[in-house]
Amino acid sequence: MDRLPLDAPRAAIEAHVAHCLNRYETQGHAPFFGFVQVAEALWKQRAGAGVDAFFAACEEVLSPLPDAMVFEGRYKARIERTDMAELRRFARTGEVLQPRDGARLYRTGNQGLAVMCSRSTGVQGSVQWGEFFLWRALQELDMSLLILGDRQNLIFQRGFGSFFGRLDESLRWIEAQAAPYPFAFYVGNSASGFPALQFAASTQIANAITFSGATYTPPEETRVETLRNRLDARIPGRRLDTRPMFEGWRGAIHLYYPSPHPMDTKHARNLEDVPGVTLYPVDTEIHQIFPISSTPELKAAVERLRDDPAAVRMGGAAGNRPNPHPRRSPP
């Protein structure tokens, strides 16, 4: 199957969808990457109008595909399978709590809430498939998923959605969404690891999991130079190191990082001696370990955090102890 260009015209996208359907009818499944290419092209073309517009475009273009159609994805020795019914359920069941991609809640369980810090939804962004696999894993654990969007691409240092410019108010809103659950935690991937850690250090939700997460922005890290300059210009004097935020903090944070990757290793070790922080090296050179993590891998990561003795429990109906420190305003 030829690679579908991100700027492919509608006719080419429809032909690609038809080819996927033919593969399913003749072989019993279609390549998951074939579906991903369609979604990424539509994301490139529609994300500027918001996530709802992107989902609507997907519904229209993929309407010829039956719910029973199976997609199979392979990564090394791992095989992941899904079908159109599950993909459509993911697209349709997210409840919009804040407009303009500000927050979308998937009510899939009452035993916990994962707050996923998502990166920019601008037209240069890409589909984050880790969110889909995390959603699958959380269902098996009877937990829900809250996805926060960041159209300004300021990694949540000034709030999100309609709370932009009012960070402290946005953090209180997140706490209110988590209050009914006995356990809650933030999830951050790459650059969004910074806000996940920042929020865990300064709210009642004191737990987090990050994947190749940014913990600070050292001058020698050229891959975030543009972002660092943007932050310096818009938020003069803003601290770009999460470490000082954890003074007096109590909670559990698990940092997953590709151990052969020198910069990601440096990020993780920046927090390795903070009480409650645990490092989990992953034997891969790939920076983006979150999107390629399988449903079982993500489920295991959540279970490790949930069972960590340092993890803070919420005050929900099933909670058994309150946060040991009051909520603090972020530095």
C-alpha atoms as a PDB file:
ATOM      1  CA  MET A   1       0.000   0.000   0.000  1.00  0.00           C
ATOM      2  CA  ASP A   2       1.507   3.311  -1.111  1.00  0.00           C
ATOM      3  CA  ARG A   3       2.003   6.053   1.448  1.00  0.00           C
ATOM      4  CA  LEU A   4      -0.922   8.504   1.453  1.00  0.00           C
ATOM      5  CA  PRO A   5       0.367  12.101   1.318  1.00  0.00           C
ATOM      6  CA  LEU A   6      -0.855  14.383   4.096  1.00  0.00           C
ATOM      7  CA  ASP A   7      -2.134  16.835   1.484  1.00  0.00           C
ATOM      8  CA  ALA A   8      -3.892  14.139  -0.557  1.00  0.00           C
ATOM      9  CA  PRO A   9      -7.080  15.295  -2.308  1.00  0.00           C
ATOM     10  CA  ARG A  10     -10.450  13.844  -1.373  1.00  0.00           C
ATOM     11  CA  ALA A  11     -10.437  11.415  -4.324  1.00  0.00           C
ATOM     12  CA  ALA A  12      -7.079   9.952  -3.259  1.00  0.00           C
ATOM     13  CA  ILE A  13      -8.251   9.563   0.344  1.00  0.00           C
ATOM     14  CA  GLU A  14     -11.425   7.784  -0.783  1.00  0.00           C
ATOM     15  CA  ALA A  15      -9.375   5.471  -3.026  1.00  0.00           C
ATOM     16  CA  HIS A  16      -7.127   4.670  -0.056  1.00  0.00           C
ATOM     17  CA  VAL A  17     -10.175   3.821   2.080  1.00  0.00           C
ATOM     18  CA  ALA A  18     -11.506   1.570  -0.698  1.00  0.00           C
ATOM     19  CA  HIS A  19      -8.146  -0.208  -0.839  1.00  0.00           C
ATOM     20  CA  CYS A  20      -8.264  -0.823   2.917  1.00  0.00           C
ATOM     21  CA  LEU A  21     -11.737  -2.304   2.533  1.00  0.00           C
ATOM     22  CA  ASN A  22     -10.524  -4.578  -0.244  1.00  0.00           C
ATOM     23  CA  ARG A  23      -7.652  -5.797   1.919  1.00  0.00           C
ATOM     24  CA  TYR A  24     -10.107  -6.636   4.689  1.00  0.00           C
ATOM     25  CA  GLU A  25     -12.481  -8.487   2.326  1.00  0.00           C
ATOM     26  CA  THR A  26      -9.686 -10.544   0.775  1.00  0.00           C
ATOM     27  CA  GLN A  27      -7.402 -11.131   3.779  1.00  0.00           C
ATOM     28  CA  GLY A  28      -9.690 -10.810   6.804  1.00  0.00           C
ATOM     29  CA  HIS A  29      -8.013  -7.654   8.091  1.00  0.00           C
ATOM     30  CA  ALA A  30      -6.537  -4.389   6.879  1.00  0.00           C
ATOM     31  CA  PRO A  31      -3.281  -2.790   8.068  1.00  0.00           C
ATOM     32  CA  PHE A  32      -3.806  -0.421  10.974  1.00  0.00           C
ATOM     33  CA  PHE A  33      -1.255   1.867   9.358  1.00  0.00           C
ATOM     34  CA  GLY A  34      -3.642   2.218   6.425  1.00  0.00           C
ATOM     35  CA  PHE A  35      -6.273   3.657   8.755  1.00  0.00           C
ATOM     36  CA  VAL A  36      -3.654   5.840  10.465  1.00  0.00           C
ATOM     37  CA  GLN A  37      -2.655   7.393   7.136  1.00  0.00           C
ATOM     38  CA  VAL A  38      -6.250   8.429   6.412  1.00  0.00           C
ATOM     39  CA  ALA A  39      -6.667   9.896   9.882  1.00  0.00           C
ATOM     40  CA  GLU A  40      -3.362  11.770   9.706  1.00  0.00           C
ATOM     41  CA  ALA A  41      -4.249  13.279   6.327  1.00  0.00           C
ATOM     42  CA  LEU A  42      -7.630  14.419   7.634  1.00  0.00           C
ATOM     43  CA  TRP A  43      -5.968  15.730  10.795  1.00  0.00           C
ATOM     44  CA  LYS A  44      -3.544  17.767   8.721  1.00  0.00           C
ATOM     45  CA  GLN A  45      -6.413  19.218   6.699  1.00  0.00           C
ATOM     46  CA  ARG A  46      -9.090  19.689   9.383  1.00  0.00           C
ATOM     47  CA  ALA A  47      -7.397  20.069  12.791  1.00  0.00           C
ATOM     48  CA  GLY A  48      -7.357  23.853  12.433  1.00  0.00           C
ATOM     49  CA  ALA A  49     -11.151  23.733  12.763  1.00  0.00           C
ATOM     50  CA  GLY A  50     -10.966  21.705  15.980  1.00  0.00           C
ATOM     51  CA  VAL A  51     -11.183  18.086  17.087  1.00  0.00           C
ATOM     52  CA  ASP A  52     -14.948  17.901  16.481  1.00  0.00           C
ATOM     53  CA  ALA A  53     -14.455  18.898  12.838  1.00  0.00           C
ATOM     54  CA  PHE A  54     -11.721  16.280  12.522  1.00  0.00           C
ATOM     55  CA  PHE A  55     -13.972  13.533  13.935  1.00  0.00           C
ATOM     56  CA  ALA A  56     -16.818  14.617  11.622  1.00  0.00           C
ATOM     57  CA  ALA A  57     -14.513  14.351   8.602  1.00  0.00           C
ATOM     58  CA  CYS A  58     -13.418  10.884   9.718  1.00  0.00           C
ATOM     59  CA  GLU A  59     -17.051   9.779  10.073  1.00  0.00           C
ATOM     60  CA  GLU A  60     -17.836  10.943   6.546  1.00  0.00           C
ATOM     61  CA  VAL A  61     -14.790   9.538   4.773  1.00  0.00           C
ATOM     62  CA  LEU A  62     -14.805   6.216   6.657  1.00  0.00           C
ATOM     63  CA  SER A  63     -18.571   5.656   6.375  1.00  0.00           C
ATOM     64  CA  PRO A  64     -18.136   2.900   3.702  1.00  0.00           C
ATOM     65  CA  LEU A  65     -16.244   0.727   6.215  1.00  0.00           C
ATOM     66  CA  PRO A  66     -18.380  -1.743   8.221  1.00  0.00           C
ATOM     67  CA  ASP A  67     -18.198  -1.856  12.023  1.00  0.00           C
ATOM     68  CA  ALA A  68     -16.887  -5.420  11.831  1.00  0.00           C
ATOM     69  CA  MET A  69     -13.864  -4.432   9.746  1.00  0.00           C
ATOM     70  CA  VAL A  70     -10.669  -5.534  11.530  1.00  0.00           C
ATOM     71  CA  PHE A  71      -7.413  -3.591  11.558  1.00  0.00           C
ATOM     72  CA  GLU A  72      -4.157  -5.241  12.524  1.00  0.00           C
ATOM     73  CA  GLY A  73      -1.001  -3.423  13.500  1.00  0.00           C
ATOM     74  CA  ARG A  74       2.452  -4.934  14.013  1.00  0.00           C
ATOM     75  CA  TYR A  75       5.434  -3.527  15.849  1.00  0.00           C
ATOM     76  CA  LYS A  76       8.412  -5.886  16.177  1.00  0.00           C
ATOM     77  CA  ALA A  77       6.918  -9.044  17.759  1.00  0.00           C
ATOM     78  CA  ARG A  78       3.732  -7.326  18.930  1.00  0.00           C
ATOM     79  CA  ILE A  79       0.362  -7.525  17.188  1.00  0.00           C
ATOM     80  CA  GLU A  80      -2.464  -5.111  18.057  1.00  0.00           C
ATOM     81  CA  ARG A  81      -5.967  -5.531  16.648  1.00  0.00           C
ATOM     82  CA  THR A  82      -9.040  -3.329  16.665  1.00  0.00           C
ATOM     83  CA  ASP A  83     -12.134  -2.842  14.531  1.00  0.00           C
ATOM     84  CA  MET A  84     -14.139   0.055  13.160  1.00  0.00           C
ATOM     85  CA  ALA A  85     -16.786  -0.339  15.860  1.00  0.00           C
ATOM     86  CA  GLU A  86     -14.194   0.345  18.572  1.00  0.00           C
ATOM     87  CA  LEU A  87     -12.611   3.221  16.660  1.00  0.00           C
ATOM     88  CA  ARG A  88     -16.031   4.802  16.151  1.00  0.00           C
ATOM     89  CA  ARG A  89     -16.853   4.374  19.833  1.00  0.00           C
ATOM     90  CA  PHE A  90     -13.665   6.245  20.753  1.00  0.00           C
ATOM     91  CA  ALA A  91     -14.562   9.077  18.375  1.00  0.00           C
ATOM     92  CA  ARG A  92     -18.207   9.328  19.479  1.00  0.00           C
ATOM     93  CA  THR A  93     -18.209   8.801  23.236  1.00  0.00           C
ATOM     94  CA  GLY A  94     -15.918  11.647  24.339  1.00  0.00           C
ATOM     95  CA  GLU A  95     -18.008  14.251  26.163  1.00  0.00           C
ATOM     96  CA  VAL A  96     -16.873  17.820  25.424  1.00  0.00           C
ATOM     97  CA  LEU A  97     -16.450  19.620  28.761  1.00  0.00           C
ATOM     98  CA  GLN A  98     -14.519  22.613  27.429  1.00  0.00           C
ATOM     99  CA  PRO A  99     -14.970  23.888  23.855  1.00  0.00           C
ATOM    100  CA  ARG A 100     -12.284  24.360  21.234  1.00  0.00           C
ATOM    101  CA  ASP A 101     -10.457  21.165  22.184  1.00  0.00           C
ATOM    102  CA  GLY A 102     -10.081  22.318  25.771  1.00  0.00           C
ATOM    103  CA  ALA A 103     -11.242  19.095  27.468  1.00  0.00           C
ATOM    104  CA  ARG A 104     -12.921  15.832  26.431  1.00  0.00           C
ATOM    105  CA  LEU A 105     -14.044  13.231  28.992  1.00  0.00           C
ATOM    106  CA  TYR A 106     -14.451   9.510  28.333  1.00  0.00           C
ATOM    107  CA  ARG A 107     -16.578   8.081  31.152  1.00  0.00           C
ATOM    108  CA  THR A 108     -15.377   4.484  31.002  1.00  0.00           C
ATOM    109  CA  GLY A 109     -15.099   3.626  34.710  1.00  0.00           C
ATOM    110  CA  ASN A 110     -15.411   4.965  38.242  1.00  0.00           C
ATOM    111  CA  GLN A 111     -12.291   3.515  39.890  1.00  0.00           C
ATOM    112  CA  GLY A 112      -9.946   6.233  38.693  1.00  0.00           C
ATOM    113  CA  LEU A 113      -9.343   9.138  36.331  1.00  0.00           C
ATOM    114  CA  ALA A 114      -6.361   9.609  34.012  1.00  0.00           C
ATOM    115  CA  VAL A 115      -5.833  13.246  33.006  1.00  0.00           C
ATOM    116  CA  MET A 116      -3.995  13.182  29.687  1.00  0.00           C
ATOM    117  CA  CYS A 117      -2.043  16.324  28.856  1.00  0.00           C
ATOM    118  CA  SER A 118      -2.199  16.446  25.063  1.00  0.00           C
ATOM    119  CA  ARG A 119       0.002  18.563  22.866  1.00  0.00           C
ATOM    120  CA  SER A 120      -1.060  21.217  20.390  1.00  0.00           C
ATOM    121  CA  THR A 121      -3.983  20.483  18.080  1.00  0.00           C
ATOM    122  CA  GLY A 122      -2.704  22.917  15.477  1.00  0.00           C
ATOM    123  CA  VAL A 123      -2.513  22.004  11.805  1.00  0.00           C
ATOM    124  CA  GLN A 124       1.122  20.939  12.164  1.00  0.00           C
ATOM    125  CA  GLY A 125       0.255  18.420  14.863  1.00  0.00           C
ATOM    126  CA  SER A 126      -0.279  14.715  14.384  1.00  0.00           C
ATOM    127  CA  VAL A 127      -2.688  12.120  15.691  1.00  0.00           C
ATOM    128  CA  GLN A 128      -1.634  10.793  19.097  1.00  0.00           C
ATOM    129  CA  TRP A 129      -2.496   7.100  18.926  1.00  0.00           C
ATOM    130  CA  GLY A 130      -1.286   6.542  22.459  1.00  0.00           C
ATOM    131  CA  GLU A 131      -4.490   8.234  23.633  1.00  0.00           C
ATOM    132  CA  PHE A 132      -6.558   5.549  21.907  1.00  0.00           C
ATOM    133  CA  PHE A 133      -4.522   2.699  23.415  1.00  0.00           C
ATOM    134  CA  LEU A 134      -4.600   4.350  26.854  1.00  0.00           C
ATOM    135  CA  TRP A 135      -8.394   4.598  26.562  1.00  0.00           C
ATOM    136  CA  ARG A 136      -8.544   0.864  25.811  1.00  0.00           C
ATOM    137  CA  ALA A 137      -6.339   0.051  28.809  1.00  0.00           C
ATOM    138  CA  LEU A 138      -8.346   2.228  31.198  1.00  0.00           C
ATOM    139  CA  GLN A 139     -11.585   0.465  30.287  1.00  0.00           C
ATOM    140  CA  GLU A 140     -10.077  -2.798  31.505  1.00  0.00           C
ATOM    141  CA  LEU A 141      -9.224  -1.073  34.794  1.00  0.00           C
ATOM    142  CA  ASP A 142     -12.662   0.550  35.191  1.00  0.00           C
ATOM    143  CA  MET A 143     -11.148   4.025  34.891  1.00  0.00           C
ATOM    144  CA  SER A 144     -12.066   7.129  32.915  1.00  0.00           C
ATOM    145  CA  LEU A 145      -9.969   9.404  30.704  1.00  0.00           C
ATOM    146  CA  LEU A 146      -9.927  13.211  30.577  1.00  0.00           C
ATOM    147  CA  ILE A 147      -7.990  14.621  27.614  1.00  0.00           C
ATOM    148  CA  LEU A 148      -6.887  18.251  27.870  1.00  0.00           C
ATOM    149  CA  GLY A 149      -6.025  20.087  24.668  1.00  0.00           C
ATOM    150  CA  ASP A 150      -3.544  22.919  24.217  1.00  0.00           C
ATOM    151  CA  ARG A 151      -4.146  24.935  21.058  1.00  0.00           C
ATOM    152  CA  GLN A 152      -1.652  27.611  22.105  1.00  0.00           C
ATOM    153  CA  ASN A 153       1.184  25.056  22.380  1.00  0.00           C
ATOM    154  CA  LEU A 154       2.461  26.656  25.579  1.00  0.00           C
ATOM    155  CA  ILE A 155       2.635  23.250  27.312  1.00  0.00           C
ATOM    156  CA  PHE A 156      -0.082  24.329  29.745  1.00  0.00           C
ATOM    157  CA  GLN A 157       1.851  27.058  31.465  1.00  0.00           C
ATOM    158  CA  ARG A 158      -0.997  29.498  30.907  1.00  0.00           C
ATOM    159  CA  GLY A 159      -4.056  27.256  31.146  1.00  0.00           C
ATOM    160  CA  PHE A 160      -6.000  25.509  28.377  1.00  0.00           C
ATOM    161  CA  GLY A 161      -9.145  25.908  26.316  1.00  0.00           C
ATOM    162  CA  SER A 162     -11.410  28.666  27.659  1.00  0.00           C
ATOM    163  CA  PHE A 163      -9.111  28.903  30.732  1.00  0.00           C
ATOM    164  CA  PHE A 164      -6.210  30.235  28.668  1.00  0.00           C
ATOM    165  CA  GLY A 165      -4.487  32.941  30.673  1.00  0.00           C
ATOM    166  CA  ARG A 166      -6.000  31.662  33.932  1.00  0.00           C
ATOM    167  CA  LEU A 167      -3.798  28.726  34.917  1.00  0.00           C
ATOM    168  CA  ASP A 168      -4.741  28.602  38.599  1.00  0.00           C
ATOM    169  CA  GLU A 169      -8.437  28.550  37.716  1.00  0.00           C
ATOM    170  CA  SER A 170      -7.863  25.760  35.196  1.00  0.00           C
ATOM    171  CA  LEU A 171      -6.122  23.647  37.861  1.00  0.00           C
ATOM    172  CA  ARG A 172      -9.072  24.062  40.237  1.00  0.00           C
ATOM    173  CA  TRP A 173     -11.360  22.932  37.414  1.00  0.00           C
ATOM    174  CA  ILE A 174      -9.258  19.794  36.847  1.00  0.00           C
ATOM    175  CA  GLU A 175      -9.409  18.984  40.565  1.00  0.00           C
ATOM    176  CA  ALA A 176     -13.195  19.289  40.474  1.00  0.00           C
ATOM    177  CA  GLN A 177     -13.392  16.747  37.619  1.00  0.00           C
ATOM    178  CA  ALA A 178     -11.237  14.296  39.601  1.00  0.00           C
ATOM    179  CA  ALA A 179     -13.031  14.757  42.938  1.00  0.00           C
ATOM    180  CA  PRO A 180     -15.596  11.922  42.428  1.00  0.00           C
ATOM    181  CA  TYR A 181     -12.859   9.351  41.778  1.00  0.00           C
ATOM    182  CA  PRO A 182     -10.876   7.419  44.415  1.00  0.00           C
ATOM    183  CA  PHE A 183      -7.655   7.702  42.403  1.00  0.00           C
ATOM    184  CA  ALA A 184      -6.392  10.145  39.789  1.00  0.00           C
ATOM    185  CA  PHE A 185      -3.168  10.836  37.947  1.00  0.00           C
ATOM    186  CA  TYR A 186      -1.742  12.883  35.095  1.00  0.00           C
ATOM    187  CA  VAL A 187      -0.257  11.417  31.918  1.00  0.00           C
ATOM    188  CA  GLY A 188       2.285  13.289  29.838  1.00  0.00           C
ATOM    189  CA  ASN A 189       4.080  12.400  26.620  1.00  0.00           C
ATOM    190  CA  SER A 190       7.277  14.136  25.496  1.00  0.00           C
ATOM    191  CA  ALA A 191       6.800  17.919  25.841  1.00  0.00           C
ATOM    192  CA  SER A 192       3.490  17.425  27.645  1.00  0.00           C
ATOM    193  CA  GLY A 193       5.420  15.619  30.365  1.00  0.00           C
ATOM    194  CA  PHE A 194       6.325  19.061  31.717  1.00  0.00           C
ATOM    195  CA  PRO A 195       2.732  20.146  32.460  1.00  0.00           C
ATOM    196  CA  ALA A 196       1.862  16.675  33.803  1.00  0.00           C
ATOM    197  CA  LEU A 197       4.678  17.003  36.335  1.00  0.00           C
ATOM    198  CA  GLN A 198       3.926  20.661  37.018  1.00  0.00           C
ATOM    199  CA  PHE A 199       0.277  19.852  37.738  1.00  0.00           C
ATOM    200  CA  ALA A 200       1.161  16.843  39.920  1.00  0.00           C
ATOM    201  CA  ALA A 201       3.444  19.067  41.993  1.00  0.00           C
ATOM    202  CA  SER A 202       0.848  21.781  42.538  1.00  0.00           C
ATOM    203  CA  THR A 203      -2.612  20.164  42.741  1.00  0.00           C
ATOM    204  CA  GLN A 204      -4.507  17.638  44.854  1.00  0.00           C
ATOM    205  CA  ILE A 205      -3.831  15.130  42.056  1.00  0.00           C
ATOM    206  CA  ALA A 206      -0.268  14.357  43.110  1.00  0.00           C
ATOM    207  CA  ASN A 207       0.424  11.351  40.842  1.00  0.00           C
ATOM    208  CA  ALA A 208       1.732  11.177  37.274  1.00  0.00           C
ATOM    209  CA  ILE A 209       3.074   8.918  34.538  1.00  0.00           C
ATOM    210  CA  THR A 210       5.250  10.366  31.798  1.00  0.00           C
ATOM    211  CA  PHE A 211       6.665   8.806  28.658  1.00  0.00           C
ATOM    212  CA  SER A 212       9.913  10.427  27.472  1.00  0.00           C
ATOM    213  CA  GLY A 213       8.625  13.392  29.441  1.00  0.00           C
ATOM    214  CA  ALA A 214      10.321  16.760  29.559  1.00  0.00           C
ATOM    215  CA  THR A 215      11.305  17.628  33.137  1.00  0.00           C
ATOM    216  CA  TYR A 216      13.254  20.781  32.281  1.00  0.00           C
ATOM    217  CA  THR A 217      14.680  22.570  29.259  1.00  0.00           C
ATOM    218  CA  PRO A 218      18.502  22.614  29.404  1.00  0.00           C
ATOM    219  CA  PRO A 219      20.217  25.125  27.099  1.00  0.00           C
ATOM    220  CA  GLU A 220      21.942  22.331  25.185  1.00  0.00           C
ATOM    221  CA  GLU A 221      18.623  20.727  24.161  1.00  0.00           C
ATOM    222  CA  THR A 222      18.251  22.133  20.658  1.00  0.00           C
ATOM    223  CA  ARG A 223      15.099  20.115  19.851  1.00  0.00           C
ATOM    224  CA  VAL A 224      13.015  22.455  22.044  1.00  0.00           C
ATOM    225  CA  GLU A 225      14.864  25.681  21.263  1.00  0.00           C
ATOM    226  CA  THR A 226      11.947  27.166  19.338  1.00  0.00           C
ATOM    227  CA  LEU A 227       9.475  26.297  22.111  1.00  0.00           C
ATOM    228  CA  ARG A 228      11.830  27.658  24.771  1.00  0.00           C
ATOM    229  CA  ASN A 229      12.217  30.945  22.893  1.00  0.00           C
ATOM    230  CA  ARG A 230       8.437  31.204  22.486  1.00  0.00           C
ATOM    231  CA  LEU A 231       7.924  30.672  26.210  1.00  0.00           C
ATOM    232  CA  ASP A 232      10.608  33.206  27.093  1.00  0.00           C
ATOM    233  CA  ALA A 233       8.936  35.752  24.828  1.00  0.00           C
ATOM    234  CA  ARG A 234       5.391  35.198  26.091  1.00  0.00           C
ATOM    235  CA  ILE A 235       6.087  34.399  29.744  1.00  0.00           C
ATOM    236  CA  PRO A 236       9.249  36.299  30.732  1.00  0.00           C
ATOM    237  CA  GLY A 237      11.003  34.827  33.750  1.00  0.00           C
ATOM    238  CA  ARG A 238       9.020  31.608  33.660  1.00  0.00           C
ATOM    239  CA  ARG A 239      10.891  28.755  35.316  1.00  0.00           C
ATOM    240  CA  LEU A 240      11.491  25.810  32.996  1.00  0.00           C
ATOM    241  CA  ASP A 241      12.565  23.181  35.503  1.00  0.00           C
ATOM    242  CA  THR A 242      10.024  21.041  37.366  1.00  0.00           C
ATOM    243  CA  ARG A 243      12.472  19.950  40.052  1.00  0.00           C
ATOM    244  CA  PRO A 244      12.062  22.974  42.382  1.00  0.00           C
ATOM    245  CA  MET A 245       8.291  22.462  42.286  1.00  0.00           C
ATOM    246  CA  PHE A 246       8.556  19.205  44.259  1.00  0.00           C
ATOM    247  CA  GLU A 247       9.882  20.682  47.478  1.00  0.00           C
ATOM    248  CA  GLY A 248       7.663  19.273  50.258  1.00  0.00           C
ATOM    249  CA  TRP A 249       5.589  17.294  47.762  1.00  0.00           C
ATOM    250  CA  ARG A 250       4.287  13.800  48.449  1.00  0.00           C
ATOM    251  CA  GLY A 251       2.915  11.504  45.778  1.00  0.00           C
ATOM    252  CA  ALA A 252       4.009   8.980  43.133  1.00  0.00           C
ATOM    253  CA  ILE A 253       5.513   9.716  39.735  1.00  0.00           C
ATOM    254  CA  HIS A 254       6.692   7.080  37.264  1.00  0.00           C
ATOM    255  CA  LEU A 255       9.006   8.224  34.485  1.00  0.00           C
ATOM    256  CA  TYR A 256       9.283   5.916  31.445  1.00  0.00           C
ATOM    257  CA  TYR A 257      12.115   6.794  29.089  1.00  0.00           C
ATOM    258  CA  PRO A 258      14.194   5.189  26.286  1.00  0.00           C
ATOM    259  CA  SER A 259      17.428   4.307  28.080  1.00  0.00           C
ATOM    260  CA  PRO A 260      19.661   4.466  24.946  1.00  0.00           C
ATOM    261  CA  HIS A 261      18.432   8.031  24.313  1.00  0.00           C
ATOM    262  CA  PRO A 262      20.891  10.399  26.073  1.00  0.00           C
ATOM    263  CA  MET A 263      18.629  13.468  26.319  1.00  0.00           C
ATOM    264  CA  ASP A 264      15.553  11.544  27.496  1.00  0.00           C
ATOM    265  CA  THR A 265      17.740   9.809  30.077  1.00  0.00           C
ATOM    266  CA  LYS A 266      19.003  13.205  31.237  1.00  0.00           C
ATOM    267  CA  HIS A 267      15.408  14.413  31.652  1.00  0.00           C
ATOM    268  CA  ALA A 268      14.491  11.398  33.770  1.00  0.00           C
ATOM    269  CA  ARG A 269      17.569  11.607  35.968  1.00  0.00           C
ATOM    270  CA  ASN A 270      16.815  15.238  36.701  1.00  0.00           C
ATOM    271  CA  LEU A 271      14.154  13.916  39.125  1.00  0.00           C
ATOM    272  CA  GLU A 272      15.545  10.510  40.076  1.00  0.00           C
ATOM    273  CA  ASP A 273      16.389  11.412  43.693  1.00  0.00           C
ATOM    274  CA  VAL A 274      13.051  13.106  44.437  1.00  0.00           C
ATOM    275  CA  PRO A 275      11.176  10.929  46.997  1.00  0.00           C
ATOM    276  CA  GLY A 276       8.207   9.252  45.323  1.00  0.00           C
ATOM    277  CA  VAL A 277       9.726   9.362  41.826  1.00  0.00           C
ATOM    278  CA  THR A 278      10.560   6.046  40.116  1.00  0.00           C
ATOM    279  CA  LEU A 279      12.421   5.665  36.823  1.00  0.00           C
ATOM    280  CA  TYR A 280      11.473   2.943  34.321  1.00  0.00           C
ATOM    281  CA  PRO A 281      14.017   2.609  31.480  1.00  0.00           C
ATOM    282  CA  VAL A 282      12.721   1.182  28.206  1.00  0.00           C
ATOM    283  CA  ASP A 283      15.099  -0.631  25.856  1.00  0.00           C
ATOM    284  CA  THR A 284      14.450   1.350  22.689  1.00  0.00           C
ATOM    285  CA  GLU A 285      16.065   4.291  20.939  1.00  0.00           C
ATOM    286  CA  ILE A 286      12.674   5.666  19.882  1.00  0.00           C
ATOM    287  CA  HIS A 287      11.794   8.913  21.659  1.00  0.00           C
ATOM    288  CA  GLN A 288       8.038   8.538  21.203  1.00  0.00           C
ATOM    289  CA  ILE A 289       7.493   5.422  23.324  1.00  0.00           C
ATOM    290  CA  PHE A 290       3.939   6.434  24.310  1.00  0.00           C
ATOM    291  CA  PRO A 291       2.276   6.128  20.866  1.00  0.00           C
ATOM    292  CA  ILE A 292       3.933   2.750  20.216  1.00  0.00           C
ATOM    293  CA  SER A 293       3.086   1.293  23.642  1.00  0.00           C
ATOM    294  CA  SER A 294       0.559  -1.549  23.494  1.00  0.00           C
ATOM    295  CA  THR A 295      -2.700  -1.703  25.425  1.00  0.00           C
ATOM    296  CA  PRO A 296      -1.247  -4.320  27.851  1.00  0.00           C
ATOM    297  CA  GLU A 297       1.884  -2.189  28.388  1.00  0.00           C
ATOM    298  CA  LEU A 298      -0.156   0.910  29.206  1.00  0.00           C
ATOM    299  CA  LYS A 299      -2.449  -1.086  31.486  1.00  0.00           C
ATOM    300  CA  ALA A 300       0.576  -2.428  33.380  1.00  0.00           C
ATOM    301  CA  ALA A 301       1.988   1.098  33.740  1.00  0.00           C
ATOM    302  CA  VAL A 302      -1.268   2.345  35.266  1.00  0.00           C
ATOM    303  CA  GLU A 303      -1.449  -0.650  37.606  1.00  0.00           C
ATOM    304  CA  ARG A 304       2.114  -0.007  38.822  1.00  0.00           C
ATOM    305  CA  LEU A 305       1.234   3.573  39.682  1.00  0.00           C
ATOM    306  CA  ARG A 306      -2.062   2.614  41.325  1.00  0.00           C
ATOM    307  CA  ASP A 307      -0.311   0.030  43.506  1.00  0.00           C
ATOM    308  CA  ASP A 308       2.620   2.278  44.428  1.00  0.00           C
ATOM    309  CA  PRO A 309       2.556   2.833  48.235  1.00  0.00           C
ATOM    310  CA  ALA A 310       3.517   6.480  47.663  1.00  0.00           C
ATOM    311  CA  ALA A 311       0.490   7.161  45.444  1.00  0.00           C
ATOM    312  CA  VAL A 312      -1.978   9.691  46.811  1.00  0.00           C
ATOM    313  CA  ARG A 313      -5.626   8.645  46.963  1.00  0.00           C
ATOM    314  CA  MET A 314      -8.444  11.052  46.255  1.00  0.00           C
ATOM    315  CA  GLY A 315     -11.361  11.928  48.492  1.00  0.00           C
ATOM    316  CA  GLY A 316     -14.000  10.214  46.342  1.00  0.00           C
ATOM    317  CA  ALA A 317     -16.505   7.695  47.667  1.00  0.00           C
ATOM    318  CA  ALA A 318     -14.018   4.850  47.334  1.00  0.00           C
ATOM    319  CA  GLY A 319     -10.971   6.854  48.489  1.00  0.00           C
ATOM    320  CA  ASN A 320      -9.193   5.897  51.681  1.00  0.00           C
ATOM    321  CA  ARG A 321      -6.953   8.842  52.461  1.00  0.00           C
ATOM    322  CA  PRO A 322      -6.748  12.530  51.519  1.00  0.00           C
ATOM    323  CA  ASN A 323      -3.911  14.352  49.831  1.00  0.00           C
ATOM    324  CA  PRO A 324      -1.199  14.933  52.468  1.00  0.00           C
ATOM    325  CA  HIS A 325      -0.521  18.477  51.271  1.00  0.00           C
ATOM    326  CA  PRO A 326      -2.805  21.387  50.354  1.00  0.00           C
ATOM    327  CA  ARG A 327      -3.011  22.535  46.770  1.00  0.00           C
ATOM    328  CA  ARG A 328      -0.410  25.130  45.884  1.00  0.00           C
ATOM    329  CA  SER A 329      -0.376  27.680  43.134  1.00  0.00           C
ATOM    330  CA  PRO A 330       2.181  26.759  40.455  1.00  0.00           C
ATOM    331  CA  PRO A 331       5.401  28.765  40.621  1.00  0.00           C
END
